[in-house]
Amino acid sequence: MCLRTGAHPQVAQNSTKTFQILLKLPRIITKRYDLRREVGGSWTVFDVFTGLPLIDPENETMLAIGLSVEKAEKVLDLMNFADCMRRVS
């Protein structure tokens, strides 16, 4: 599915309306990122196409490793939303 329910607070207000519209669309776009539980109970957000952890393209550091489930879900929502917006625009 393209999006999970609930918008991330950092999403701009004008994008919130777009986000709500996208939630109503058929969920035909594959989500780019998902969660993986690691040994020790932490969570990683990873790219489903490469299997690699989410990486910041600007400084090439891993962003989403060793997160709490709450933080991981927020990052996941934000990144899948951003990817979905990129693909539909």
N, C-alpha and C. Protein backbone atom coordinates (compact mmCIF):
# COMPACT_ATOMS: atom_id res chain seq x y z
N MET A 1 0.82 -1.17 0.00
CA MET A 1 0.00 0.00 0.00
C MET A 1 0.88 1.25 0.00
N CYS A 2 0.36 2.28 -0.57
CA CYS A 2 1.13 3.51 -0.71
C CYS A 2 1.30 4.24 0.62
N LEU A 3 0.25 4.36 1.39
CA LEU A 3 0.31 5.16 2.61
C LEU A 3 -0.31 4.44 3.78
N ARG A 4 0.16 4.80 4.96
CA ARG A 4 -0.46 4.36 6.19
C ARG A 4 -1.40 5.47 6.63
N THR A 5 -2.30 5.18 7.57
CA THR A 5 -3.20 6.22 8.03
C THR A 5 -2.47 7.16 8.97
N GLY A 6 -2.87 8.42 8.98
CA GLY A 6 -2.30 9.42 9.87
C GLY A 6 -1.15 10.17 9.23
N ALA A 7 -1.23 11.48 9.27
CA ALA A 7 -0.18 12.30 8.68
C ALA A 7 0.86 12.65 9.73
N HIS A 8 2.07 12.85 9.29
CA HIS A 8 3.15 13.25 10.18
C HIS A 8 3.04 14.74 10.43
N PRO A 9 3.30 15.21 11.66
CA PRO A 9 3.16 16.63 11.96
C PRO A 9 4.01 17.55 11.10
N GLN A 10 5.11 17.06 10.54
CA GLN A 10 5.99 17.90 9.74
C GLN A 10 5.46 18.13 8.33
N VAL A 11 4.40 17.42 7.96
CA VAL A 11 3.83 17.60 6.63
C VAL A 11 3.18 18.98 6.59
N ALA A 12 3.51 19.77 5.59
CA ALA A 12 2.97 21.13 5.49
C ALA A 12 1.45 21.09 5.40
N GLN A 13 0.80 22.14 5.90
CA GLN A 13 -0.65 22.18 5.92
C GLN A 13 -1.25 22.05 4.54
N ASN A 14 -0.67 22.67 3.54
CA ASN A 14 -1.22 22.56 2.19
C ASN A 14 -1.05 21.15 1.63
N SER A 15 -0.13 20.39 2.15
CA SER A 15 0.04 19.00 1.72
C SER A 15 -0.92 18.07 2.43
N THR A 16 -1.46 18.52 3.57
CA THR A 16 -2.37 17.68 4.35
C THR A 16 -3.61 17.34 3.54
N LYS A 17 -4.14 18.32 2.80
CA LYS A 17 -5.31 18.08 1.97
C LYS A 17 -4.98 17.05 0.89
N THR A 18 -3.83 17.19 0.27
CA THR A 18 -3.38 16.22 -0.74
C THR A 18 -3.25 14.85 -0.12
N PHE A 19 -2.67 14.79 1.08
CA PHE A 19 -2.50 13.53 1.80
C PHE A 19 -3.86 12.87 2.03
N GLN A 20 -4.85 13.65 2.46
CA GLN A 20 -6.18 13.10 2.71
C GLN A 20 -6.81 12.58 1.43
N ILE A 21 -6.59 13.27 0.32
CA ILE A 21 -7.10 12.81 -0.97
C ILE A 21 -6.41 11.50 -1.37
N LEU A 22 -5.10 11.45 -1.18
CA LEU A 22 -4.36 10.23 -1.54
C LEU A 22 -4.82 9.04 -0.73
N LEU A 23 -5.22 9.26 0.53
CA LEU A 23 -5.70 8.16 1.35
C LEU A 23 -6.96 7.53 0.77
N LYS A 24 -7.73 8.31 0.02
CA LYS A 24 -8.97 7.82 -0.56
C LYS A 24 -8.77 7.12 -1.90
N LEU A 25 -7.61 7.30 -2.51
CA LEU A 25 -7.32 6.67 -3.80
C LEU A 25 -7.11 5.18 -3.62
N PRO A 26 -7.34 4.41 -4.68
CA PRO A 26 -7.00 2.99 -4.60
C PRO A 26 -5.51 2.85 -4.28
N ARG A 27 -5.19 1.95 -3.42
CA ARG A 27 -3.80 1.82 -2.96
C ARG A 27 -3.03 0.90 -3.89
N ILE A 28 -2.68 1.45 -5.04
CA ILE A 28 -2.02 0.65 -6.07
C ILE A 28 -0.53 0.90 -6.13
N ILE A 29 -0.07 1.96 -5.48
CA ILE A 29 1.36 2.26 -5.49
C ILE A 29 2.03 1.49 -4.36
N THR A 30 3.04 0.75 -4.69
CA THR A 30 3.78 -0.02 -3.68
C THR A 30 4.51 0.92 -2.76
N LYS A 31 4.42 0.68 -1.46
CA LYS A 31 5.16 1.53 -0.54
C LYS A 31 6.65 1.23 -0.66
N ARG A 32 7.43 2.26 -0.56
CA ARG A 32 8.88 2.16 -0.76
C ARG A 32 9.61 1.68 0.49
N TYR A 33 9.10 2.03 1.67
CA TYR A 33 9.79 1.73 2.93
C TYR A 33 8.90 0.88 3.83
N ASP A 34 9.55 0.08 4.66
CA ASP A 34 8.83 -0.74 5.63
C ASP A 34 9.67 -0.85 6.89
N LEU A 35 9.11 -1.52 7.91
CA LEU A 35 9.80 -1.69 9.19
C LEU A 35 10.36 -3.09 9.33
N ARG A 36 11.48 -3.18 10.02
CA ARG A 36 12.10 -4.47 10.34
C ARG A 36 12.50 -4.43 11.81
N ARG A 37 12.08 -5.45 12.57
CA ARG A 37 12.48 -5.55 13.97
C ARG A 37 13.85 -6.19 14.05
N GLU A 38 14.74 -5.55 14.78
CA GLU A 38 16.12 -6.02 14.91
C GLU A 38 16.31 -6.81 16.20
N VAL A 39 17.42 -7.53 16.29
CA VAL A 39 17.77 -8.24 17.50
C VAL A 39 17.90 -7.20 18.61
N GLY A 40 17.32 -7.48 19.75
CA GLY A 40 17.36 -6.53 20.85
C GLY A 40 16.10 -5.68 20.95
N GLY A 41 15.21 -5.79 19.96
CA GLY A 41 13.92 -5.12 20.03
C GLY A 41 13.83 -3.76 19.38
N SER A 42 14.92 -3.24 18.82
CA SER A 42 14.83 -1.94 18.14
C SER A 42 14.28 -2.15 16.73
N TRP A 43 13.98 -1.04 16.06
CA TRP A 43 13.38 -1.10 14.73
C TRP A 43 14.22 -0.34 13.71
N THR A 44 14.16 -0.82 12.47
CA THR A 44 14.85 -0.19 11.35
C THR A 44 13.84 0.09 10.25
N VAL A 45 13.91 1.28 9.66
CA VAL A 45 13.14 1.59 8.46
C VAL A 45 14.04 1.26 7.28
N PHE A 46 13.53 0.42 6.37
CA PHE A 46 14.37 0.00 5.25
C PHE A 46 13.64 0.15 3.92
N ASP A 47 14.42 0.23 2.87
CA ASP A 47 13.93 0.33 1.51
C ASP A 47 13.54 -1.08 1.04
N VAL A 48 12.26 -1.26 0.69
CA VAL A 48 11.81 -2.60 0.31
C VAL A 48 12.38 -3.07 -1.02
N PHE A 49 12.85 -2.14 -1.85
CA PHE A 49 13.41 -2.51 -3.14
C PHE A 49 14.87 -2.95 -3.04
N THR A 50 15.61 -2.37 -2.10
CA THR A 50 17.02 -2.72 -1.95
C THR A 50 17.30 -3.57 -0.72
N GLY A 51 16.40 -3.52 0.27
CA GLY A 51 16.61 -4.23 1.53
C GLY A 51 17.54 -3.49 2.48
N LEU A 52 18.02 -2.32 2.06
CA LEU A 52 18.97 -1.55 2.87
C LEU A 52 18.25 -0.57 3.80
N PRO A 53 18.86 -0.26 4.94
CA PRO A 53 18.26 0.74 5.83
C PRO A 53 18.15 2.09 5.14
N LEU A 54 17.17 2.86 5.56
CA LEU A 54 16.98 4.21 5.05
C LEU A 54 18.24 5.02 5.26
N ILE A 55 18.74 5.65 4.19
CA ILE A 55 19.99 6.40 4.26
C ILE A 55 19.75 7.83 3.81
N ASP A 56 20.36 8.77 4.52
CA ASP A 56 20.29 10.18 4.16
C ASP A 56 21.18 10.41 2.94
N PRO A 57 20.59 10.81 1.80
CA PRO A 57 21.39 10.97 0.59
C PRO A 57 22.39 12.13 0.66
N GLU A 58 22.16 13.10 1.55
CA GLU A 58 23.06 14.25 1.63
C GLU A 58 24.39 13.92 2.29
N ASN A 59 24.35 13.17 3.39
CA ASN A 59 25.62 12.87 4.08
C ASN A 59 25.89 11.37 4.19
N GLU A 60 25.03 10.57 3.56
CA GLU A 60 25.21 9.12 3.48
C GLU A 60 25.36 8.43 4.83
N THR A 61 24.67 8.95 5.84
CA THR A 61 24.63 8.28 7.14
C THR A 61 23.30 7.56 7.28
N MET A 62 23.30 6.45 7.96
CA MET A 62 22.07 5.70 8.16
C MET A 62 21.19 6.44 9.15
N LEU A 63 19.95 6.68 8.77
CA LEU A 63 19.04 7.46 9.59
C LEU A 63 18.17 6.62 10.51
N ALA A 64 17.73 5.50 10.05
CA ALA A 64 16.62 4.82 10.70
C ALA A 64 16.99 3.43 11.23
N ILE A 65 17.98 3.38 12.07
CA ILE A 65 18.40 2.13 12.70
C ILE A 65 18.34 2.32 14.21
N GLY A 66 17.88 1.30 14.93
CA GLY A 66 17.86 1.35 16.38
C GLY A 66 16.79 2.26 16.95
N LEU A 67 15.67 2.37 16.25
CA LEU A 67 14.60 3.27 16.68
C LEU A 67 13.57 2.55 17.54
N SER A 68 12.86 3.34 18.36
CA SER A 68 11.69 2.79 19.06
C SER A 68 10.60 2.57 18.02
N VAL A 69 9.62 1.75 18.34
CA VAL A 69 8.56 1.47 17.37
C VAL A 69 7.79 2.75 17.03
N GLU A 70 7.58 3.62 18.01
CA GLU A 70 6.86 4.86 17.76
C GLU A 70 7.62 5.76 16.79
N LYS A 71 8.91 5.95 17.03
CA LYS A 71 9.74 6.78 16.16
C LYS A 71 9.83 6.17 14.76
N ALA A 72 10.00 4.85 14.70
CA ALA A 72 10.11 4.16 13.41
C ALA A 72 8.84 4.33 12.59
N GLU A 73 7.68 4.25 13.23
CA GLU A 73 6.42 4.43 12.51
C GLU A 73 6.28 5.85 11.98
N LYS A 74 6.72 6.84 12.74
CA LYS A 74 6.66 8.23 12.28
C LYS A 74 7.56 8.44 11.07
N VAL A 75 8.78 7.91 11.14
CA VAL A 75 9.71 8.04 10.01
C VAL A 75 9.14 7.30 8.80
N LEU A 76 8.61 6.12 9.02
CA LEU A 76 8.02 5.32 7.95
C LEU A 76 6.90 6.07 7.26
N ASP A 77 5.98 6.63 8.04
CA ASP A 77 4.86 7.39 7.46
C ASP A 77 5.36 8.56 6.63
N LEU A 78 6.29 9.31 7.17
CA LEU A 78 6.80 10.49 6.49
C LEU A 78 7.51 10.11 5.18
N MET A 79 8.35 9.09 5.22
CA MET A 79 9.10 8.70 4.04
C MET A 79 8.21 8.09 2.96
N ASN A 80 7.24 7.27 3.35
CA ASN A 80 6.33 6.71 2.35
C ASN A 80 5.44 7.79 1.76
N PHE A 81 5.04 8.77 2.57
CA PHE A 81 4.26 9.89 2.06
C PHE A 81 5.08 10.67 1.04
N ALA A 82 6.31 11.01 1.39
CA ALA A 82 7.18 11.77 0.49
C ALA A 82 7.43 11.00 -0.81
N ASP A 83 7.65 9.69 -0.72
CA ASP A 83 7.88 8.90 -1.92
C ASP A 83 6.62 8.83 -2.77
N CYS A 84 5.49 8.68 -2.13
CA CYS A 84 4.22 8.60 -2.86
C CYS A 84 3.94 9.93 -3.57
N MET A 85 4.18 11.05 -2.91
CA MET A 85 3.99 12.37 -3.52
C MET A 85 4.92 12.53 -4.72
N ARG A 86 6.15 12.07 -4.57
CA ARG A 86 7.11 12.17 -5.67
C ARG A 86 6.63 11.37 -6.88
N ARG A 87 6.07 10.19 -6.64
CA ARG A 87 5.66 9.34 -7.74
C ARG A 87 4.38 9.79 -8.43
N VAL A 88 3.45 10.42 -7.69
CA VAL A 88 2.19 10.82 -8.30
C VAL A 88 2.24 12.21 -8.90
N SER A 89 3.31 12.96 -8.62
CA SER A 89 3.37 14.32 -9.18
C SER A 89 4.17 14.36 -10.46
